[in-house]
Amino acid sequence: DYVKSLGVDIIWLSPMYDSPQDDMGYDISDYE
């Protein structure tokens, strides 16, 4: 609701995939 109140239209979510997190999720161990 906070994000919506700013007036934006799209959220871009940075990597949330399974990962050892050596590079904050840009090292993906399972895309699914």
ModelCIF file with pLDDT and N, C-alpha, C, O atoms, coordinates in Angstrom:
data_MODEL
#
_entry.id   MODEL 
#
_entity.id                         1 
_entity.type                       polymer 
_entity.pdbx_number_of_molecules   1 
#
_entity_poly.entity_id                      1 
_entity_poly.type                           'polypeptide(L)' 
_entity_poly.nstd_linkage                   no 
_entity_poly.nstd_monomer                   no 
_entity_poly.pdbx_seq_one_letter_code       DYVKSLGVDIIWLSPMYDSPQDDMGYDISDYE 
_entity_poly.pdbx_seq_one_letter_code_can   DYVKSLGVDIIWLSPMYDSPQDDMGYDISDYE 
_entity_poly.pdbx_strand_id                 A 
#
loop_
_entity_poly_seq.entity_id 
_entity_poly_seq.num 
_entity_poly_seq.mon_id 
_entity_poly_seq.hetero 
1 1  ASP n 
1 2  TYR n 
1 3  VAL n 
1 4  LYS n 
1 5  SER n 
1 6  LEU n 
1 7  GLY n 
1 8  VAL n 
1 9  ASP n 
1 10 ILE n 
1 11 ILE n 
1 12 TRP n 
1 13 LEU n 
1 14 SER n 
1 15 PRO n 
1 16 MET n 
1 17 TYR n 
1 18 ASP n 
1 19 SER n 
1 20 PRO n 
1 21 GLN n 
1 22 ASP n 
1 23 ASP n 
1 24 MET n 
1 25 GLY n 
1 26 TYR n 
1 27 ASP n 
1 28 ILE n 
1 29 SER n 
1 30 ASP n 
1 31 TYR n 
1 32 GLU n 
#
_struct_asym.id          A 
_struct_asym.entity_id   1 
#
loop_
_ma_qa_metric.id 
_ma_qa_metric.mode 
_ma_qa_metric.name 
_ma_qa_metric.software_group_id 
_ma_qa_metric.type 
1 global pLDDT . pLDDT 
2 local  pLDDT . pLDDT 
#
_ma_qa_metric_global.metric_id      1 
_ma_qa_metric_global.metric_value   97.03 
_ma_qa_metric_global.model_id       1 
_ma_qa_metric_global.ordinal_id     1 
#
loop_
_ma_qa_metric_local.label_asym_id 
_ma_qa_metric_local.label_comp_id 
_ma_qa_metric_local.label_seq_id 
_ma_qa_metric_local.metric_id 
_ma_qa_metric_local.metric_value 
_ma_qa_metric_local.model_id 
_ma_qa_metric_local.ordinal_id 
A ASP 1  2 98.00 1 1  
A TYR 2  2 98.00 1 2  
A VAL 3  2 98.00 1 3  
A LYS 4  2 98.00 1 4  
A SER 5  2 98.00 1 5  
A LEU 6  2 98.00 1 6  
A GLY 7  2 98.00 1 7  
A VAL 8  2 98.00 1 8  
A ASP 9  2 98.00 1 9  
A ILE 10 2 98.00 1 10 
A ILE 11 2 98.00 1 11 
A TRP 12 2 98.00 1 12 
A LEU 13 2 98.00 1 13 
A SER 14 2 98.00 1 14 
A PRO 15 2 98.00 1 15 
A MET 16 2 98.00 1 16 
A TYR 17 2 98.00 1 17 
A ASP 18 2 98.00 1 18 
A SER 19 2 98.00 1 19 
A PRO 20 2 97.00 1 20 
A GLN 21 2 95.00 1 21 
A ASP 22 2 93.00 1 22 
A ASP 23 2 90.00 1 23 
A MET 24 2 90.00 1 24 
A GLY 25 2 95.00 1 25 
A TYR 26 2 95.00 1 26 
A ASP 27 2 98.00 1 27 
A ILE 28 2 98.00 1 28 
A SER 29 2 98.00 1 29 
A ASP 30 2 98.00 1 30 
A TYR 31 2 98.00 1 31 
A GLU 32 2 98.00 1 32 
#
loop_
_atom_site.group_PDB 
_atom_site.id 
_atom_site.type_symbol 
_atom_site.label_atom_id 
_atom_site.label_alt_id 
_atom_site.label_comp_id 
_atom_site.label_asym_id 
_atom_site.label_entity_id 
_atom_site.label_seq_id 
_atom_site.pdbx_PDB_ins_code 
_atom_site.Cartn_x 
_atom_site.Cartn_y 
_atom_site.Cartn_z 
_atom_site.occupancy 
_atom_site.B_iso_or_equiv 
_atom_site.pdbx_formal_charge 
_atom_site.auth_seq_id 
_atom_site.auth_comp_id 
_atom_site.auth_asym_id 
_atom_site.auth_atom_id 
_atom_site.pdbx_PDB_model_num 
ATOM 1   N N  . ASP A 1 1  ? 0.838  -1.210  0.000   1.00 98.00 ? 1  ASP A N  1 
ATOM 2   C CA . ASP A 1 1  ? 0.000  0.000   0.000   1.00 98.00 ? 1  ASP A CA 1 
ATOM 3   C C  . ASP A 1 1  ? 0.868  1.254   0.000   1.00 98.00 ? 1  ASP A C  1 
ATOM 4   O O  . ASP A 1 1  ? 0.524  2.254   -0.629  1.00 98.00 ? 1  ASP A O  1 
ATOM 5   N N  . TYR A 1 2  ? 1.996  1.194   0.709   1.00 98.00 ? 2  TYR A N  1 
ATOM 6   C CA . TYR A 1 2  ? 2.945  2.310   0.712   1.00 98.00 ? 2  TYR A CA 1 
ATOM 7   C C  . TYR A 1 2  ? 3.506  2.533   -0.692  1.00 98.00 ? 2  TYR A C  1 
ATOM 8   O O  . TYR A 1 2  ? 3.552  3.664   -1.176  1.00 98.00 ? 2  TYR A O  1 
ATOM 9   N N  . VAL A 1 3  ? 3.931  1.449   -1.339  1.00 98.00 ? 3  VAL A N  1 
ATOM 10  C CA . VAL A 1 3  ? 4.484  1.564   -2.693  1.00 98.00 ? 3  VAL A CA 1 
ATOM 11  C C  . VAL A 1 3  ? 3.432  2.132   -3.639  1.00 98.00 ? 3  VAL A C  1 
ATOM 12  O O  . VAL A 1 3  ? 3.725  3.017   -4.443  1.00 98.00 ? 3  VAL A O  1 
ATOM 13  N N  . LYS A 1 4  ? 2.212  1.625   -3.541  1.00 98.00 ? 4  LYS A N  1 
ATOM 14  C CA . LYS A 1 4  ? 1.128  2.108   -4.396  1.00 98.00 ? 4  LYS A CA 1 
ATOM 15  C C  . LYS A 1 4  ? 0.876  3.592   -4.167  1.00 98.00 ? 4  LYS A C  1 
ATOM 16  O O  . LYS A 1 4  ? 0.603  4.328   -5.115  1.00 98.00 ? 4  LYS A O  1 
ATOM 17  N N  . SER A 1 5  ? 0.967  4.038   -2.913  1.00 98.00 ? 5  SER A N  1 
ATOM 18  C CA . SER A 1 5  ? 0.671  5.449   -2.599  1.00 98.00 ? 5  SER A CA 1 
ATOM 19  C C  . SER A 1 5  ? 1.669  6.405   -3.211  1.00 98.00 ? 5  SER A C  1 
ATOM 20  O O  . SER A 1 5  ? 1.370  7.586   -3.388  1.00 98.00 ? 5  SER A O  1 
ATOM 21  N N  . LEU A 1 6  ? 2.859  5.908   -3.538  1.00 98.00 ? 6  LEU A N  1 
ATOM 22  C CA . LEU A 1 6  ? 3.863  6.761   -4.174  1.00 98.00 ? 6  LEU A CA 1 
ATOM 23  C C  . LEU A 1 6  ? 3.458  7.130   -5.595  1.00 98.00 ? 6  LEU A C  1 
ATOM 24  O O  . LEU A 1 6  ? 3.862  8.168   -6.119  1.00 98.00 ? 6  LEU A O  1 
ATOM 25  N N  . GLY A 1 7  ? 2.655  6.269   -6.210  1.00 98.00 ? 7  GLY A N  1 
ATOM 26  C CA . GLY A 1 7  ? 2.209  6.555   -7.569  1.00 98.00 ? 7  GLY A CA 1 
ATOM 27  C C  . GLY A 1 7  ? 2.949  5.779   -8.633  1.00 98.00 ? 7  GLY A C  1 
ATOM 28  O O  . GLY A 1 7  ? 2.946  6.170   -9.800  1.00 98.00 ? 7  GLY A O  1 
ATOM 29  N N  . VAL A 1 8  ? 3.596  4.665   -8.245  1.00 98.00 ? 8  VAL A N  1 
ATOM 30  C CA . VAL A 1 8  ? 4.302  3.857   -9.236  1.00 98.00 ? 8  VAL A CA 1 
ATOM 31  C C  . VAL A 1 8  ? 3.362  2.817   -9.837  1.00 98.00 ? 8  VAL A C  1 
ATOM 32  O O  . VAL A 1 8  ? 2.299  2.524   -9.289  1.00 98.00 ? 8  VAL A O  1 
ATOM 33  N N  . ASP A 1 9  ? 3.779  2.270   -10.974 1.00 98.00 ? 9  ASP A N  1 
ATOM 34  C CA . ASP A 1 9  ? 2.927  1.358   -11.738 1.00 98.00 ? 9  ASP A CA 1 
ATOM 35  C C  . ASP A 1 9  ? 3.433  -0.077  -11.744 1.00 98.00 ? 9  ASP A C  1 
ATOM 36  O O  . ASP A 1 9  ? 2.658  -1.022  -11.887 1.00 98.00 ? 9  ASP A O  1 
ATOM 37  N N  . ILE A 1 10 ? 4.738  -0.224  -11.586 1.00 98.00 ? 10 ILE A N  1 
ATOM 38  C CA . ILE A 1 10 ? 5.367  -1.539  -11.698 1.00 98.00 ? 10 ILE A CA 1 
ATOM 39  C C  . ILE A 1 10 ? 6.372  -1.699  -10.566 1.00 98.00 ? 10 ILE A C  1 
ATOM 40  O O  . ILE A 1 10 ? 7.077  -0.753  -10.215 1.00 98.00 ? 10 ILE A O  1 
ATOM 41  N N  . ILE A 1 11 ? 6.435  -2.889  -10.003 1.00 98.00 ? 11 ILE A N  1 
ATOM 42  C CA . ILE A 1 11 ? 7.494  -3.229  -9.053  1.00 98.00 ? 11 ILE A CA 1 
ATOM 43  C C  . ILE A 1 11 ? 8.477  -4.156  -9.754  1.00 98.00 ? 11 ILE A C  1 
ATOM 44  O O  . ILE A 1 11 ? 8.091  -5.157  -10.357 1.00 98.00 ? 11 ILE A O  1 
ATOM 45  N N  . TRP A 1 12 ? 9.746  -3.803  -9.661  1.00 98.00 ? 12 TRP A N  1 
ATOM 46  C CA . TRP A 1 12 ? 10.816 -4.693  -10.120 1.00 98.00 ? 12 TRP A CA 1 
ATOM 47  C C  . TRP A 1 12 ? 11.419 -5.318  -8.868  1.00 98.00 ? 12 TRP A C  1 
ATOM 48  O O  . TRP A 1 12 ? 11.985 -4.629  -8.020  1.00 98.00 ? 12 TRP A O  1 
ATOM 49  N N  . LEU A 1 13 ? 11.286 -6.641  -8.771  1.00 98.00 ? 13 LEU A N  1 
ATOM 50  C CA . LEU A 1 13 ? 11.801 -7.375  -7.624  1.00 98.00 ? 13 LEU A CA 1 
ATOM 51  C C  . LEU A 1 13 ? 13.156 -7.986  -7.980  1.00 98.00 ? 13 LEU A C  1 
ATOM 52  O O  . LEU A 1 13 ? 13.257 -8.816  -8.883  1.00 98.00 ? 13 LEU A O  1 
ATOM 53  N N  . SER A 1 14 ? 14.183 -7.567  -7.267  1.00 98.00 ? 14 SER A N  1 
ATOM 54  C CA . SER A 1 14 ? 15.515 -8.128  -7.475  1.00 98.00 ? 14 SER A CA 1 
ATOM 55  C C  . SER A 1 14 ? 15.524 -9.595  -7.065  1.00 98.00 ? 14 SER A C  1 
ATOM 56  O O  . SER A 1 14 ? 14.574 -10.050 -6.428  1.00 98.00 ? 14 SER A O  1 
ATOM 57  N N  . PRO A 1 15 ? 16.573 -10.356 -7.410  1.00 98.00 ? 15 PRO A N  1 
ATOM 58  C CA . PRO A 1 15 ? 16.519 -11.819 -7.282  1.00 98.00 ? 15 PRO A CA 1 
ATOM 59  C C  . PRO A 1 15 ? 16.054 -12.327 -5.923  1.00 98.00 ? 15 PRO A C  1 
ATOM 60  O O  . PRO A 1 15 ? 16.604 -11.990 -4.874  1.00 98.00 ? 15 PRO A O  1 
ATOM 61  N N  . MET A 1 16 ? 15.015 -13.153 -5.992  1.00 98.00 ? 16 MET A N  1 
ATOM 62  C CA . MET A 1 16 ? 14.484 -13.770 -4.774  1.00 98.00 ? 16 MET A CA 1 
ATOM 63  C C  . MET A 1 16 ? 14.594 -15.289 -4.872  1.00 98.00 ? 16 MET A C  1 
ATOM 64  O O  . MET A 1 16 ? 14.046 -16.019 -4.046  1.00 98.00 ? 16 MET A O  1 
ATOM 65  N N  . TYR A 1 17 ? 15.319 -15.756 -5.904  1.00 98.00 ? 17 TYR A N  1 
ATOM 66  C CA . TYR A 1 17 ? 15.451 -17.187 -6.157  1.00 98.00 ? 17 TYR A CA 1 
ATOM 67  C C  . TYR A 1 17 ? 16.358 -17.859 -5.118  1.00 98.00 ? 17 TYR A C  1 
ATOM 68  O O  . TYR A 1 17 ? 17.105 -17.196 -4.399  1.00 98.00 ? 17 TYR A O  1 
ATOM 69  N N  . ASP A 1 18 ? 16.271 -19.169 -5.064  1.00 98.00 ? 18 ASP A N  1 
ATOM 70  C CA . ASP A 1 18 ? 17.130 -19.904 -4.139  1.00 98.00 ? 18 ASP A CA 1 
ATOM 71  C C  . ASP A 1 18 ? 18.590 -19.681 -4.535  1.00 98.00 ? 18 ASP A C  1 
ATOM 72  O O  . ASP A 1 18 ? 18.937 -19.697 -5.716  1.00 98.00 ? 18 ASP A O  1 
ATOM 73  N N  . SER A 1 19 ? 19.437 -19.473 -3.523  1.00 98.00 ? 19 SER A N  1 
ATOM 74  C CA . SER A 1 19 ? 20.804 -19.044 -3.797  1.00 98.00 ? 19 SER A CA 1 
ATOM 75  C C  . SER A 1 19 ? 21.664 -19.177 -2.551  1.00 98.00 ? 19 SER A C  1 
ATOM 76  O O  . SER A 1 19 ? 21.164 -18.997 -1.440  1.00 98.00 ? 19 SER A O  1 
ATOM 77  N N  . PRO A 1 20 ? 22.953 -19.488 -2.709  1.00 97.00 ? 20 PRO A N  1 
ATOM 78  C CA . PRO A 1 20 ? 23.887 -19.430 -1.570  1.00 97.00 ? 20 PRO A CA 1 
ATOM 79  C C  . PRO A 1 20 ? 24.195 -18.007 -1.130  1.00 97.00 ? 20 PRO A C  1 
ATOM 80  O O  . PRO A 1 20 ? 24.801 -17.800 -0.079  1.00 97.00 ? 20 PRO A O  1 
ATOM 81  N N  . GLN A 1 21 ? 23.778 -17.015 -1.930  1.00 95.00 ? 21 GLN A N  1 
ATOM 82  C CA . GLN A 1 21 ? 23.936 -15.599 -1.586  1.00 95.00 ? 21 GLN A CA 1 
ATOM 83  C C  . GLN A 1 21 ? 25.392 -15.128 -1.555  1.00 95.00 ? 21 GLN A C  1 
ATOM 84  O O  . GLN A 1 21 ? 25.737 -14.242 -0.774  1.00 95.00 ? 21 GLN A O  1 
ATOM 85  N N  . ASP A 1 22 ? 26.241 -15.709 -2.392  1.00 93.00 ? 22 ASP A N  1 
ATOM 86  C CA . ASP A 1 22 ? 27.603 -15.178 -2.517  1.00 93.00 ? 22 ASP A CA 1 
ATOM 87  C C  . ASP A 1 22 ? 27.578 -13.792 -3.144  1.00 93.00 ? 22 ASP A C  1 
ATOM 88  O O  . ASP A 1 22 ? 28.391 -12.933 -2.804  1.00 93.00 ? 22 ASP A O  1 
ATOM 89  N N  . ASP A 1 23 ? 26.638 -13.579 -4.065  1.00 90.00 ? 23 ASP A N  1 
ATOM 90  C CA . ASP A 1 23 ? 26.491 -12.284 -4.725  1.00 90.00 ? 23 ASP A CA 1 
ATOM 91  C C  . ASP A 1 23 ? 25.053 -11.802 -4.588  1.00 90.00 ? 23 ASP A C  1 
ATOM 92  O O  . ASP A 1 23 ? 24.422 -11.391 -5.562  1.00 90.00 ? 23 ASP A O  1 
ATOM 93  N N  . MET A 1 24 ? 24.556 -11.861 -3.371  1.00 90.00 ? 24 MET A N  1 
ATOM 94  C CA . MET A 1 24 ? 23.233 -11.338 -3.044  1.00 90.00 ? 24 MET A CA 1 
ATOM 95  C C  . MET A 1 24 ? 22.134 -11.818 -4.007  1.00 90.00 ? 24 MET A C  1 
ATOM 96  O O  . MET A 1 24 ? 21.294 -11.039 -4.458  1.00 90.00 ? 24 MET A O  1 
ATOM 97  N N  . GLY A 1 25 ? 22.169 -13.106 -4.300  1.00 95.00 ? 25 GLY A N  1 
ATOM 98  C CA . GLY A 1 25 ? 21.089 -13.688 -5.084  1.00 95.00 ? 25 GLY A CA 1 
ATOM 99  C C  . GLY A 1 25 ? 21.313 -13.713 -6.575  1.00 95.00 ? 25 GLY A C  1 
ATOM 100 O O  . GLY A 1 25 ? 20.525 -14.308 -7.310  1.00 95.00 ? 25 GLY A O  1 
ATOM 101 N N  . TYR A 1 26 ? 22.379 -13.073 -7.040  1.00 95.00 ? 26 TYR A N  1 
ATOM 102 C CA . TYR A 1 26 ? 22.704 -13.154 -8.469  1.00 95.00 ? 26 TYR A CA 1 
ATOM 103 C C  . TYR A 1 26 ? 23.504 -14.423 -8.776  1.00 95.00 ? 26 TYR A C  1 
ATOM 104 O O  . TYR A 1 26 ? 24.000 -14.607 -9.887  1.00 95.00 ? 26 TYR A O  1 
ATOM 105 N N  . ASP A 1 27 ? 23.615 -15.275 -7.788  1.00 98.00 ? 27 ASP A N  1 
ATOM 106 C CA . ASP A 1 27 ? 24.180 -16.617 -7.949  1.00 98.00 ? 27 ASP A CA 1 
ATOM 107 C C  . ASP A 1 27 ? 23.051 -17.598 -7.643  1.00 98.00 ? 27 ASP A C  1 
ATOM 108 O O  . ASP A 1 27 ? 22.850 -17.986 -6.492  1.00 98.00 ? 27 ASP A O  1 
ATOM 109 N N  . ILE A 1 28 ? 22.327 -17.990 -8.669  1.00 98.00 ? 28 ILE A N  1 
ATOM 110 C CA . ILE A 1 28 ? 21.075 -18.737 -8.490  1.00 98.00 ? 28 ILE A CA 1 
ATOM 111 C C  . ILE A 1 28 ? 21.332 -20.249 -8.529  1.00 98.00 ? 28 ILE A C  1 
ATOM 112 O O  . ILE A 1 28 ? 21.951 -20.766 -9.459  1.00 98.00 ? 28 ILE A O  1 
ATOM 113 N N  . SER A 1 29 ? 20.845 -20.934 -7.504  1.00 98.00 ? 29 SER A N  1 
ATOM 114 C CA . SER A 1 29 ? 21.001 -22.390 -7.444  1.00 98.00 ? 29 SER A CA 1 
ATOM 115 C C  . SER A 1 29 ? 19.747 -23.116 -7.923  1.00 98.00 ? 29 SER A C  1 
ATOM 116 O O  . SER A 1 29 ? 19.810 -24.307 -8.228  1.00 98.00 ? 29 SER A O  1 
ATOM 117 N N  . ASP A 1 30 ? 18.607 -22.424 -7.997  1.00 98.00 ? 30 ASP A N  1 
ATOM 118 C CA . ASP A 1 30 ? 17.381 -23.026 -8.534  1.00 98.00 ? 30 ASP A CA 1 
ATOM 119 C C  . ASP A 1 30 ? 16.439 -21.912 -8.954  1.00 98.00 ? 30 ASP A C  1 
ATOM 120 O O  . ASP A 1 30 ? 15.952 -21.155 -8.114  1.00 98.00 ? 30 ASP A O  1 
ATOM 121 N N  . TYR A 1 31 ? 16.181 -21.809 -10.256 1.00 98.00 ? 31 TYR A N  1 
ATOM 122 C CA . TYR A 1 31 ? 15.305 -20.755 -10.778 1.00 98.00 ? 31 TYR A CA 1 
ATOM 123 C C  . TYR A 1 31 ? 13.855 -20.917 -10.332 1.00 98.00 ? 31 TYR A C  1 
ATOM 124 O O  . TYR A 1 31 ? 13.090 -19.953 -10.334 1.00 98.00 ? 31 TYR A O  1 
ATOM 125 N N  . GLU A 1 32 ? 13.481 -22.129 -9.954  1.00 98.00 ? 32 GLU A N  1 
ATOM 126 C CA . GLU A 1 32 ? 12.078 -22.420 -9.675  1.00 98.00 ? 32 GLU A CA 1 
ATOM 127 C C  . GLU A 1 32 ? 11.764 -22.497 -8.187  1.00 98.00 ? 32 GLU A C  1 
ATOM 128 O O  . GLU A 1 32 ? 10.617 -22.736 -7.810  1.00 98.00 ? 32 GLU A O  1 
#
